[in-house]
Amino acid sequence: MCNWVNVLSALLTPVIAIFGSVIAYQQFITNRRRLKHELFDRRFKVYDIAKHFLTVIYANRTITDQEIYKFRIGTRESRFLFDEDIEKYGSLPFRVG
């Protein structure tokens, strides 16, 4: 009987380590999905602002300084959310008039 207790107590440490590893992996997957979801939300905000900007241009056939300002403020974090090509596209100079 004493031999079984020693064997079970010796196996307890690896079993706890395996369960801990499984929990850590699940947390890793959950955090990665949460990051992807948050990144999507932030990218969608930039998309929505750009869509509104283009809608104003198409509707009025002109653009005001205030609309350009709102577009630039709304898309200023795009350099952190998208790759370099998108950030360069969003920073093209606009002329009013």
PDB file of N, CA and C in Angstrom:
ATOM      1  N   MET A   1       0.815  -1.187   0.000  1.00  0.00           N
ATOM      2  CA  MET A   1       0.000   0.000   0.000  1.00  0.00           C
ATOM      3  C   MET A   1       0.861   1.253   0.000  1.00  0.00           C
ATOM      4  N   CYS A   2       1.919   1.246   0.715  1.00  0.00           N
ATOM      5  CA  CYS A   2       2.810   2.396   0.801  1.00  0.00           C
ATOM      6  C   CYS A   2       3.472   2.667  -0.546  1.00  0.00           C
ATOM      7  N   ASN A   3       3.695   1.619  -1.331  1.00  0.00           N
ATOM      8  CA  ASN A   3       4.324   1.755  -2.634  1.00  0.00           C
ATOM      9  C   ASN A   3       3.409   2.530  -3.591  1.00  0.00           C
ATOM     10  N   TRP A   4       2.087   2.285  -3.572  1.00  0.00           N
ATOM     11  CA  TRP A   4       1.135   2.983  -4.432  1.00  0.00           C
ATOM     12  C   TRP A   4       1.063   4.472  -4.107  1.00  0.00           C
ATOM     13  N   VAL A   5       1.152   4.786  -2.844  1.00  0.00           N
ATOM     14  CA  VAL A   5       1.110   6.185  -2.428  1.00  0.00           C
ATOM     15  C   VAL A   5       2.332   6.925  -2.974  1.00  0.00           C
ATOM     16  N   ASN A   6       3.478   6.283  -2.929  1.00  0.00           N
ATOM     17  CA  ASN A   6       4.691   6.907  -3.469  1.00  0.00           C
ATOM     18  C   ASN A   6       4.607   7.100  -4.982  1.00  0.00           C
ATOM     19  N   VAL A   7       4.059   6.093  -5.660  1.00  0.00           N
ATOM     20  CA  VAL A   7       3.931   6.183  -7.122  1.00  0.00           C
ATOM     21  C   VAL A   7       2.942   7.299  -7.495  1.00  0.00           C
ATOM     22  N   LEU A   8       1.789   7.340  -6.832  1.00  0.00           N
ATOM     23  CA  LEU A   8       0.798   8.371  -7.132  1.00  0.00           C
ATOM     24  C   LEU A   8       1.308   9.766  -6.796  1.00  0.00           C
ATOM     25  N   SER A   9       2.010   9.897  -5.721  1.00  0.00           N
ATOM     26  CA  SER A   9       2.552  11.215  -5.379  1.00  0.00           C
ATOM     27  C   SER A   9       3.657  11.624  -6.352  1.00  0.00           C
ATOM     28  N   ALA A  10       4.389  10.670  -6.891  1.00  0.00           N
ATOM     29  CA  ALA A  10       5.415  10.981  -7.883  1.00  0.00           C
ATOM     30  C   ALA A  10       4.782  11.396  -9.214  1.00  0.00           C
ATOM     31  N   LEU A  11       3.621  10.819  -9.551  1.00  0.00           N
ATOM     32  CA  LEU A  11       2.939  11.165 -10.798  1.00  0.00           C
ATOM     33  C   LEU A  11       2.144  12.467 -10.703  1.00  0.00           C
ATOM     34  N   LEU A  12       1.892  12.909  -9.501  1.00  0.00           N
ATOM     35  CA  LEU A  12       1.084  14.105  -9.325  1.00  0.00           C
ATOM     36  C   LEU A  12       1.750  15.351  -9.925  1.00  0.00           C
ATOM     37  N   THR A  13       3.035  15.499  -9.768  1.00  0.00           N
ATOM     38  CA  THR A  13       3.742  16.670 -10.282  1.00  0.00           C
ATOM     39  C   THR A  13       3.684  16.765 -11.814  1.00  0.00           C
ATOM     40  N   PRO A  14       3.962  15.682 -12.547  1.00  0.00           N
ATOM     41  CA  PRO A  14       3.838  15.786 -14.012  1.00  0.00           C
ATOM     42  C   PRO A  14       2.399  16.035 -14.474  1.00  0.00           C
ATOM     43  N   VAL A  15       1.425  15.458 -13.779  1.00  0.00           N
ATOM     44  CA  VAL A  15       0.023  15.669 -14.153  1.00  0.00           C
ATOM     45  C   VAL A  15      -0.345  17.144 -13.959  1.00  0.00           C
ATOM     46  N   ILE A  16       0.063  17.741 -12.873  1.00  0.00           N
ATOM     47  CA  ILE A  16      -0.196  19.160 -12.633  1.00  0.00           C
ATOM     48  C   ILE A  16       0.505  20.009 -13.685  1.00  0.00           C
ATOM     49  N   ALA A  17       1.714  19.641 -14.059  1.00  0.00           N
ATOM     50  CA  ALA A  17       2.443  20.381 -15.084  1.00  0.00           C
ATOM     51  C   ALA A  17       1.735  20.292 -16.434  1.00  0.00           C
ATOM     52  N   ILE A  18       1.196  19.138 -16.781  1.00  0.00           N
ATOM     53  CA  ILE A  18       0.475  18.972 -18.046  1.00  0.00           C
ATOM     54  C   ILE A  18      -0.788  19.823 -18.049  1.00  0.00           C
ATOM     55  N   PHE A  19      -1.551  19.783 -16.949  1.00  0.00           N
ATOM     56  CA  PHE A  19      -2.756  20.603 -16.860  1.00  0.00           C
ATOM     57  C   PHE A  19      -2.409  22.095 -16.934  1.00  0.00           C
ATOM     58  N   GLY A  20      -1.342  22.487 -16.296  1.00  0.00           N
ATOM     59  CA  GLY A  20      -0.910  23.884 -16.361  1.00  0.00           C
ATOM     60  C   GLY A  20      -0.533  24.294 -17.778  1.00  0.00           C
ATOM     61  N   SER A  21       0.123  23.392 -18.488  1.00  0.00           N
ATOM     62  CA  SER A  21       0.498  23.673 -19.879  1.00  0.00           C
ATOM     63  C   SER A  21      -0.736  23.793 -20.770  1.00  0.00           C
ATOM     64  N   VAL A  22      -1.721  22.937 -20.544  1.00  0.00           N
ATOM     65  CA  VAL A  22      -2.957  23.000 -21.324  1.00  0.00           C
ATOM     66  C   VAL A  22      -3.681  24.322 -21.062  1.00  0.00           C
ATOM     67  N   ILE A  23      -3.758  24.741 -19.831  1.00  0.00           N
ATOM     68  CA  ILE A  23      -4.408  26.000 -19.480  1.00  0.00           C
ATOM     69  C   ILE A  23      -3.648  27.186 -20.085  1.00  0.00           C
ATOM     70  N   ALA A  24      -2.325  27.151 -20.029  1.00  0.00           N
ATOM     71  CA  ALA A  24      -1.520  28.232 -20.611  1.00  0.00           C
ATOM     72  C   ALA A  24      -1.724  28.318 -22.115  1.00  0.00           C
ATOM     73  N   TYR A  25      -1.794  27.174 -22.790  1.00  0.00           N
ATOM     74  CA  TYR A  25      -2.028  27.166 -24.238  1.00  0.00           C
ATOM     75  C   TYR A  25      -3.412  27.729 -24.567  1.00  0.00           C
ATOM     76  N   GLN A  26      -4.415  27.366 -23.792  1.00  0.00           N
ATOM     77  CA  GLN A  26      -5.760  27.894 -24.021  1.00  0.00           C
ATOM     78  C   GLN A  26      -5.808  29.406 -23.803  1.00  0.00           C
ATOM     79  N   GLN A  27      -5.095  29.902 -22.817  1.00  0.00           N
ATOM     80  CA  GLN A  27      -5.020  31.343 -22.604  1.00  0.00           C
ATOM     81  C   GLN A  27      -4.315  32.036 -23.769  1.00  0.00           C
ATOM     82  N   PHE A  28      -3.284  31.410 -24.292  1.00  0.00           N
ATOM     83  CA  PHE A  28      -2.573  31.955 -25.448  1.00  0.00           C
ATOM     84  C   PHE A  28      -3.511  32.076 -26.644  1.00  0.00           C
ATOM     85  N   ILE A  29      -4.273  31.029 -26.927  1.00  0.00           N
ATOM     86  CA  ILE A  29      -5.210  31.033 -28.050  1.00  0.00           C
ATOM     87  C   ILE A  29      -6.287  32.096 -27.833  1.00  0.00           C
ATOM     88  N   THR A  30      -6.813  32.192 -26.616  1.00  0.00           N
ATOM     89  CA  THR A  30      -7.852  33.173 -26.308  1.00  0.00           C
ATOM     90  C   THR A  30      -7.324  34.598 -26.479  1.00  0.00           C
ATOM     91  N   ASN A  31      -6.134  34.864 -25.992  1.00  0.00           N
ATOM     92  CA  ASN A  31      -5.547  36.208 -26.125  1.00  0.00           C
ATOM     93  C   ASN A  31      -5.262  36.560 -27.578  1.00  0.00           C
ATOM     94  N   ARG A  32      -4.843  35.586 -28.357  1.00  0.00           N
ATOM     95  CA  ARG A  32      -4.589  35.837 -29.776  1.00  0.00           C
ATOM     96  C   ARG A  32      -5.892  36.168 -30.508  1.00  0.00           C
ATOM     97  N   ARG A  33      -6.961  35.445 -30.185  1.00  0.00           N
ATOM     98  CA  ARG A  33      -8.263  35.738 -30.797  1.00  0.00           C
ATOM     99  C   ARG A  33      -8.784  37.100 -30.358  1.00  0.00           C
ATOM    100  N   ARG A  34      -8.597  37.444 -29.089  1.00  0.00           N
ATOM    101  CA  ARG A  34      -9.040  38.740 -28.586  1.00  0.00           C
ATOM    102  C   ARG A  34      -8.279  39.876 -29.275  1.00  0.00           C
ATOM    103  N   LEU A  35      -6.974  39.701 -29.464  1.00  0.00           N
ATOM    104  CA  LEU A  35      -6.172  40.704 -30.167  1.00  0.00           C
ATOM    105  C   LEU A  35      -6.651  40.881 -31.600  1.00  0.00           C
ATOM    106  N   LYS A  36      -6.942  39.770 -32.257  1.00  0.00           N
ATOM    107  CA  LYS A  36      -7.438  39.832 -33.630  1.00  0.00           C
ATOM    108  C   LYS A  36      -8.782  40.555 -33.685  1.00  0.00           C
ATOM    109  N   HIS A  37      -9.643  40.290 -32.723  1.00  0.00           N
ATOM    110  CA  HIS A  37     -10.948  40.936 -32.670  1.00  0.00           C
ATOM    111  C   HIS A  37     -10.810  42.439 -32.408  1.00  0.00           C
ATOM    112  N   GLU A  38      -9.961  42.814 -31.471  1.00  0.00           N
ATOM    113  CA  GLU A  38      -9.752  44.230 -31.175  1.00  0.00           C
ATOM    114  C   GLU A  38      -9.124  44.953 -32.356  1.00  0.00           C
ATOM    115  N   LEU A  39      -8.216  44.296 -33.045  1.00  0.00           N
ATOM    116  CA  LEU A  39      -7.602  44.888 -34.225  1.00  0.00           C
ATOM    117  C   LEU A  39      -8.644  45.097 -35.316  1.00  0.00           C
ATOM    118  N   PHE A  40      -9.550  44.127 -35.471  1.00  0.00           N
ATOM    119  CA  PHE A  40     -10.634  44.279 -36.438  1.00  0.00           C
ATOM    120  C   PHE A  40     -11.504  45.470 -36.089  1.00  0.00           C
ATOM    121  N   ASP A  41     -11.855  45.630 -34.820  1.00  0.00           N
ATOM    122  CA  ASP A  41     -12.695  46.756 -34.407  1.00  0.00           C
ATOM    123  C   ASP A  41     -12.031  48.090 -34.721  1.00  0.00           C
ATOM    124  N   ARG A  42     -10.755  48.193 -34.442  1.00  0.00           N
ATOM    125  CA  ARG A  42     -10.045  49.448 -34.712  1.00  0.00           C
ATOM    126  C   ARG A  42      -9.909  49.703 -36.214  1.00  0.00           C
ATOM    127  N   ARG A  43      -9.634  48.648 -36.966  1.00  0.00           N
ATOM    128  CA  ARG A  43      -9.540  48.807 -38.418  1.00  0.00           C
ATOM    129  C   ARG A  43     -10.892  49.181 -39.009  1.00  0.00           C
ATOM    130  N   PHE A  44     -11.955  48.630 -38.459  1.00  0.00           N
ATOM    131  CA  PHE A  44     -13.284  48.944 -38.979  1.00  0.00           C
ATOM    132  C   PHE A  44     -13.641  50.402 -38.734  1.00  0.00           C
ATOM    133  N   LYS A  45     -13.195  50.963 -37.614  1.00  0.00           N
ATOM    134  CA  LYS A  45     -13.436  52.389 -37.357  1.00  0.00           C
ATOM    135  C   LYS A  45     -12.765  53.250 -38.423  1.00  0.00           C
ATOM    136  N   VAL A  46     -11.536  52.900 -38.785  1.00  0.00           N
ATOM    137  CA  VAL A  46     -10.825  53.640 -39.833  1.00  0.00           C
ATOM    138  C   VAL A  46     -11.549  53.475 -41.163  1.00  0.00           C
ATOM    139  N   TYR A  47     -12.001  52.282 -41.456  1.00  0.00           N
ATOM    140  CA  TYR A  47     -12.765  52.025 -42.677  1.00  0.00           C
ATOM    141  C   TYR A  47     -14.034  52.858 -42.706  1.00  0.00           C
ATOM    142  N   ASP A  48     -14.734  52.913 -41.589  1.00  0.00           N
ATOM    143  CA  ASP A  48     -15.985  53.664 -41.514  1.00  0.00           C
ATOM    144  C   ASP A  48     -15.750  55.162 -41.740  1.00  0.00           C
ATOM    145  N   ILE A  49     -14.670  55.690 -41.189  1.00  0.00           N
ATOM    146  CA  ILE A  49     -14.337  57.104 -41.386  1.00  0.00           C
ATOM    147  C   ILE A  49     -13.985  57.373 -42.853  1.00  0.00           C
ATOM    148  N   ALA A  50     -13.228  56.482 -43.459  1.00  0.00           N
ATOM    149  CA  ALA A  50     -12.876  56.646 -44.877  1.00  0.00           C
ATOM    150  C   ALA A  50     -14.124  56.542 -45.752  1.00  0.00           C
ATOM    151  N   LYS A  51     -15.032  55.637 -45.403  1.00  0.00           N
ATOM    152  CA  LYS A  51     -16.276  55.502 -46.163  1.00  0.00           C
ATOM    153  C   LYS A  51     -17.109  56.776 -46.053  1.00  0.00           C
ATOM    154  N   HIS A  52     -17.186  57.335 -44.857  1.00  0.00           N
ATOM    155  CA  HIS A  52     -17.925  58.586 -44.674  1.00  0.00           C
ATOM    156  C   HIS A  52     -17.278  59.719 -45.477  1.00  0.00           C
ATOM    157  N   PHE A  53     -15.971  59.776 -45.475  1.00  0.00           N
ATOM    158  CA  PHE A  53     -15.235  60.793 -46.222  1.00  0.00           C
ATOM    159  C   PHE A  53     -15.557  60.714 -47.714  1.00  0.00           C
ATOM    160  N   LEU A  54     -15.520  59.502 -48.252  1.00  0.00           N
ATOM    161  CA  LEU A  54     -15.820  59.325 -49.672  1.00  0.00           C
ATOM    162  C   LEU A  54     -17.288  59.612 -49.975  1.00  0.00           C
ATOM    163  N   THR A  55     -18.170  59.282 -49.062  1.00  0.00           N
ATOM    164  CA  THR A  55     -19.588  59.573 -49.248  1.00  0.00           C
ATOM    165  C   THR A  55     -19.827  61.074 -49.340  1.00  0.00           C
ATOM    166  N   VAL A  56     -19.154  61.833 -48.477  1.00  0.00           N
ATOM    167  CA  VAL A  56     -19.287  63.289 -48.518  1.00  0.00           C
ATOM    168  C   VAL A  56     -18.759  63.835 -49.847  1.00  0.00           C
ATOM    169  N   ILE A  57     -17.655  63.305 -50.313  1.00  0.00           N
ATOM    170  CA  ILE A  57     -17.084  63.762 -51.590  1.00  0.00           C
ATOM    171  C   ILE A  57     -18.043  63.453 -52.734  1.00  0.00           C
ATOM    172  N   TYR A  58     -18.566  62.233 -52.771  1.00  0.00           N
ATOM    173  CA  TYR A  58     -19.471  61.866 -53.863  1.00  0.00           C
ATOM    174  C   TYR A  58     -20.789  62.630 -53.796  1.00  0.00           C
ATOM    175  N   ALA A  59     -21.276  62.895 -52.606  1.00  0.00           N
ATOM    176  CA  ALA A  59     -22.566  63.581 -52.469  1.00  0.00           C
ATOM    177  C   ALA A  59     -22.460  65.057 -52.816  1.00  0.00           C
ATOM    178  N   ASN A  60     -21.402  65.718 -52.359  1.00  0.00           N
ATOM    179  CA  ASN A  60     -21.283  67.167 -52.538  1.00  0.00           C
ATOM    180  C   ASN A  60     -20.445  67.570 -53.747  1.00  0.00           C
ATOM    181  N   ARG A  61     -19.699  66.629 -54.300  1.00  0.00           N
ATOM    182  CA  ARG A  61     -18.760  66.908 -55.397  1.00  0.00           C
ATOM    183  C   ARG A  61     -17.694  67.918 -55.015  1.00  0.00           C
ATOM    184  N   THR A  62     -17.517  68.124 -53.724  1.00  0.00           N
ATOM    185  CA  THR A  62     -16.473  68.998 -53.203  1.00  0.00           C
ATOM    186  C   THR A  62     -16.163  68.557 -51.777  1.00  0.00           C
ATOM    187  N   ILE A  63     -15.103  69.101 -51.228  1.00  0.00           N
ATOM    188  CA  ILE A  63     -14.703  68.720 -49.877  1.00  0.00           C
ATOM    189  C   ILE A  63     -14.274  69.973 -49.130  1.00  0.00           C
ATOM    190  N   THR A  64     -14.572  70.012 -47.863  1.00  0.00           N
ATOM    191  CA  THR A  64     -14.209  71.173 -47.048  1.00  0.00           C
ATOM    192  C   THR A  64     -12.993  70.845 -46.193  1.00  0.00           C
ATOM    193  N   ASP A  65     -12.377  71.895 -45.684  1.00  0.00           N
ATOM    194  CA  ASP A  65     -11.247  71.698 -44.778  1.00  0.00           C
ATOM    195  C   ASP A  65     -11.661  70.926 -43.534  1.00  0.00           C
ATOM    196  N   GLN A  66     -12.880  71.160 -43.067  1.00  0.00           N
ATOM    197  CA  GLN A  66     -13.363  70.466 -41.875  1.00  0.00           C
ATOM    198  C   GLN A  66     -13.484  68.963 -42.123  1.00  0.00           C
ATOM    199  N   GLU A  67     -13.954  68.562 -43.292  1.00  0.00           N
ATOM    200  CA  GLU A  67     -14.063  67.137 -43.613  1.00  0.00           C
ATOM    201  C   GLU A  67     -12.673  66.499 -43.728  1.00  0.00           C
ATOM    202  N   ILE A  68     -11.736  67.220 -44.308  1.00  0.00           N
ATOM    203  CA  ILE A  68     -10.370  66.706 -44.391  1.00  0.00           C
ATOM    204  C   ILE A  68      -9.781  66.549 -42.994  1.00  0.00           C
ATOM    205  N   TYR A  69     -10.034  67.522 -42.143  1.00  0.00           N
ATOM    206  CA  TYR A  69      -9.545  67.460 -40.763  1.00  0.00           C
ATOM    207  C   TYR A  69     -10.141  66.257 -40.038  1.00  0.00           C
ATOM    208  N   LYS A  70     -11.451  66.036 -40.193  1.00  0.00           N
ATOM    209  CA  LYS A  70     -12.090  64.891 -39.539  1.00  0.00           C
ATOM    210  C   LYS A  70     -11.521  63.577 -40.073  1.00  0.00           C
ATOM    211  N   PHE A  71     -11.244  63.533 -41.380  1.00  0.00           N
ATOM    212  CA  PHE A  71     -10.664  62.330 -41.966  1.00  0.00           C
ATOM    213  C   PHE A  71      -9.267  62.068 -41.420  1.00  0.00           C
ATOM    214  N   ARG A  72      -8.462  63.099 -41.366  1.00  0.00           N
ATOM    215  CA  ARG A  72      -7.085  62.928 -40.871  1.00  0.00           C
ATOM    216  C   ARG A  72      -7.056  62.542 -39.398  1.00  0.00           C
ATOM    217  N   ILE A  73      -7.910  63.154 -38.587  1.00  0.00           N
ATOM    218  CA  ILE A  73      -7.968  62.804 -37.168  1.00  0.00           C
ATOM    219  C   ILE A  73      -8.457  61.370 -37.001  1.00  0.00           C
ATOM    220  N   GLY A  74      -9.451  60.997 -37.776  1.00  0.00           N
ATOM    221  CA  GLY A  74     -10.014  59.650 -37.656  1.00  0.00           C
ATOM    222  C   GLY A  74      -9.097  58.554 -38.139  1.00  0.00           C
ATOM    223  N   THR A  75      -8.181  58.883 -39.056  1.00  0.00           N
ATOM    224  CA  THR A  75      -7.302  57.857 -39.620  1.00  0.00           C
ATOM    225  C   THR A  75      -5.860  57.977 -39.130  1.00  0.00           C
ATOM    226  N   ARG A  76      -5.619  58.786 -38.126  1.00  0.00           N
ATOM    227  CA  ARG A  76      -4.233  58.985 -37.683  1.00  0.00           C
ATOM    228  C   ARG A  76      -3.613  57.739 -37.063  1.00  0.00           C
ATOM    229  N   GLU A  77      -4.406  56.828 -36.539  1.00  0.00           N
ATOM    230  CA  GLU A  77      -3.838  55.612 -35.959  1.00  0.00           C
ATOM    231  C   GLU A  77      -3.668  54.503 -36.996  1.00  0.00           C
ATOM    232  N   SER A  78      -3.962  54.805 -38.263  1.00  0.00           N
ATOM    233  CA  SER A  78      -3.865  53.775 -39.298  1.00  0.00           C
ATOM    234  C   SER A  78      -2.442  53.271 -39.478  1.00  0.00           C
ATOM    235  N   ARG A  79      -1.455  54.085 -39.155  1.00  0.00           N
ATOM    236  CA  ARG A  79      -0.070  53.627 -39.304  1.00  0.00           C
ATOM    237  C   ARG A  79       0.253  52.484 -38.353  1.00  0.00           C
ATOM    238  N   PHE A  80      -0.495  52.361 -37.276  1.00  0.00           N
ATOM    239  CA  PHE A  80      -0.263  51.279 -36.324  1.00  0.00           C
ATOM    240  C   PHE A  80      -1.133  50.060 -36.616  1.00  0.00           C
ATOM    241  N   LEU A  81      -2.175  50.248 -37.407  1.00  0.00           N
ATOM    242  CA  LEU A  81      -3.130  49.174 -37.654  1.00  0.00           C
ATOM    243  C   LEU A  81      -2.920  48.470 -38.988  1.00  0.00           C
ATOM    244  N   PHE A  82      -2.378  49.190 -39.953  1.00  0.00           N
ATOM    245  CA  PHE A  82      -2.214  48.643 -41.302  1.00  0.00           C
ATOM    246  C   PHE A  82      -0.738  48.654 -41.679  1.00  0.00           C
ATOM    247  N   ASP A  83      -0.446  48.030 -42.804  1.00  0.00           N
ATOM    248  CA  ASP A  83       0.942  48.054 -43.253  1.00  0.00           C
ATOM    249  C   ASP A  83       1.259  49.404 -43.882  1.00  0.00           C
ATOM    250  N   GLU A  84       2.481  49.575 -44.301  1.00  0.00           N
ATOM    251  CA  GLU A  84       2.992  50.876 -44.723  1.00  0.00           C
ATOM    252  C   GLU A  84       2.276  51.429 -45.949  1.00  0.00           C
ATOM    253  N   ASP A  85       1.850  50.584 -46.864  1.00  0.00           N
ATOM    254  CA  ASP A  85       1.184  51.058 -48.079  1.00  0.00           C
ATOM    255  C   ASP A  85      -0.133  51.764 -47.763  1.00  0.00           C
ATOM    256  N   ILE A  86      -0.904  51.220 -46.867  1.00  0.00           N
ATOM    257  CA  ILE A  86      -2.184  51.830 -46.495  1.00  0.00           C
ATOM    258  C   ILE A  86      -1.939  53.159 -45.792  1.00  0.00           C
ATOM    259  N   GLU A  87      -0.951  53.208 -44.937  1.00  0.00           N
ATOM    260  CA  GLU A  87      -0.650  54.442 -44.205  1.00  0.00           C
ATOM    261  C   GLU A  87      -0.208  55.541 -45.172  1.00  0.00           C
ATOM    262  N   LYS A  88       0.583  55.192 -46.177  1.00  0.00           N
ATOM    263  CA  LYS A  88       1.003  56.184 -47.180  1.00  0.00           C
ATOM    264  C   LYS A  88      -0.178  56.657 -48.008  1.00  0.00           C
ATOM    265  N   TYR A  89      -1.073  55.761 -48.348  1.00  0.00           N
ATOM    266  CA  TYR A  89      -2.247  56.123 -49.130  1.00  0.00           C
ATOM    267  C   TYR A  89      -3.129  57.103 -48.365  1.00  0.00           C
ATOM    268  N   GLY A  90      -3.257  56.902 -47.065  1.00  0.00           N
ATOM    269  CA  GLY A  90      -4.085  57.776 -46.248  1.00  0.00           C
ATOM    270  C   GLY A  90      -3.476  59.135 -46.001  1.00  0.00           C
ATOM    271  N   SER A  91      -2.183  59.292 -46.227  1.00  0.00           N
ATOM    272  CA  SER A  91      -1.540  60.576 -45.956  1.00  0.00           C
ATOM    273  C   SER A  91      -1.287  61.373 -47.235  1.00  0.00           C
ATOM    274  N   LEU A  92      -1.985  61.054 -48.311  1.00  0.00           N
ATOM    275  CA  LEU A  92      -1.823  61.829 -49.537  1.00  0.00           C
ATOM    276  C   LEU A  92      -2.320  63.245 -49.322  1.00  0.00           C
ATOM    277  N   PRO A  93      -1.654  64.220 -49.931  1.00  0.00           N
ATOM    278  CA  PRO A  93      -2.098  65.608 -49.728  1.00  0.00           C
ATOM    279  C   PRO A  93      -3.403  65.876 -50.474  1.00  0.00           C
ATOM    280  N   PHE A  94      -4.258  66.650 -49.857  1.00  0.00           N
ATOM    281  CA  PHE A  94      -5.529  67.057 -50.463  1.00  0.00           C
ATOM    282  C   PHE A  94      -5.516  68.557 -50.690  1.00  0.00           C
ATOM    283  N   ARG A  95      -6.140  68.967 -51.782  1.00  0.00           N
ATOM    284  CA  ARG A  95      -6.304  70.382 -52.050  1.00  0.00           C
ATOM    285  C   ARG A  95      -7.796  70.707 -52.033  1.00  0.00           C
ATOM    286  N   VAL A  96      -8.119  71.776 -51.406  1.00  0.00           N
ATOM    287  CA  VAL A  96      -9.504  72.212 -51.349  1.00  0.00           C
ATOM    288  C   VAL A  96      -9.717  73.289 -52.381  1.00  0.00           C
ATOM    289  N   GLY A  97     -10.811  73.191 -53.119  1.00  0.00           N
ATOM    290  CA  GLY A  97     -11.125  74.247 -54.063  1.00  0.00           C
ATOM    291  C   GLY A  97     -11.279  73.829 -55.442  1.00  0.00           C
TER     292      GLY A  97
END
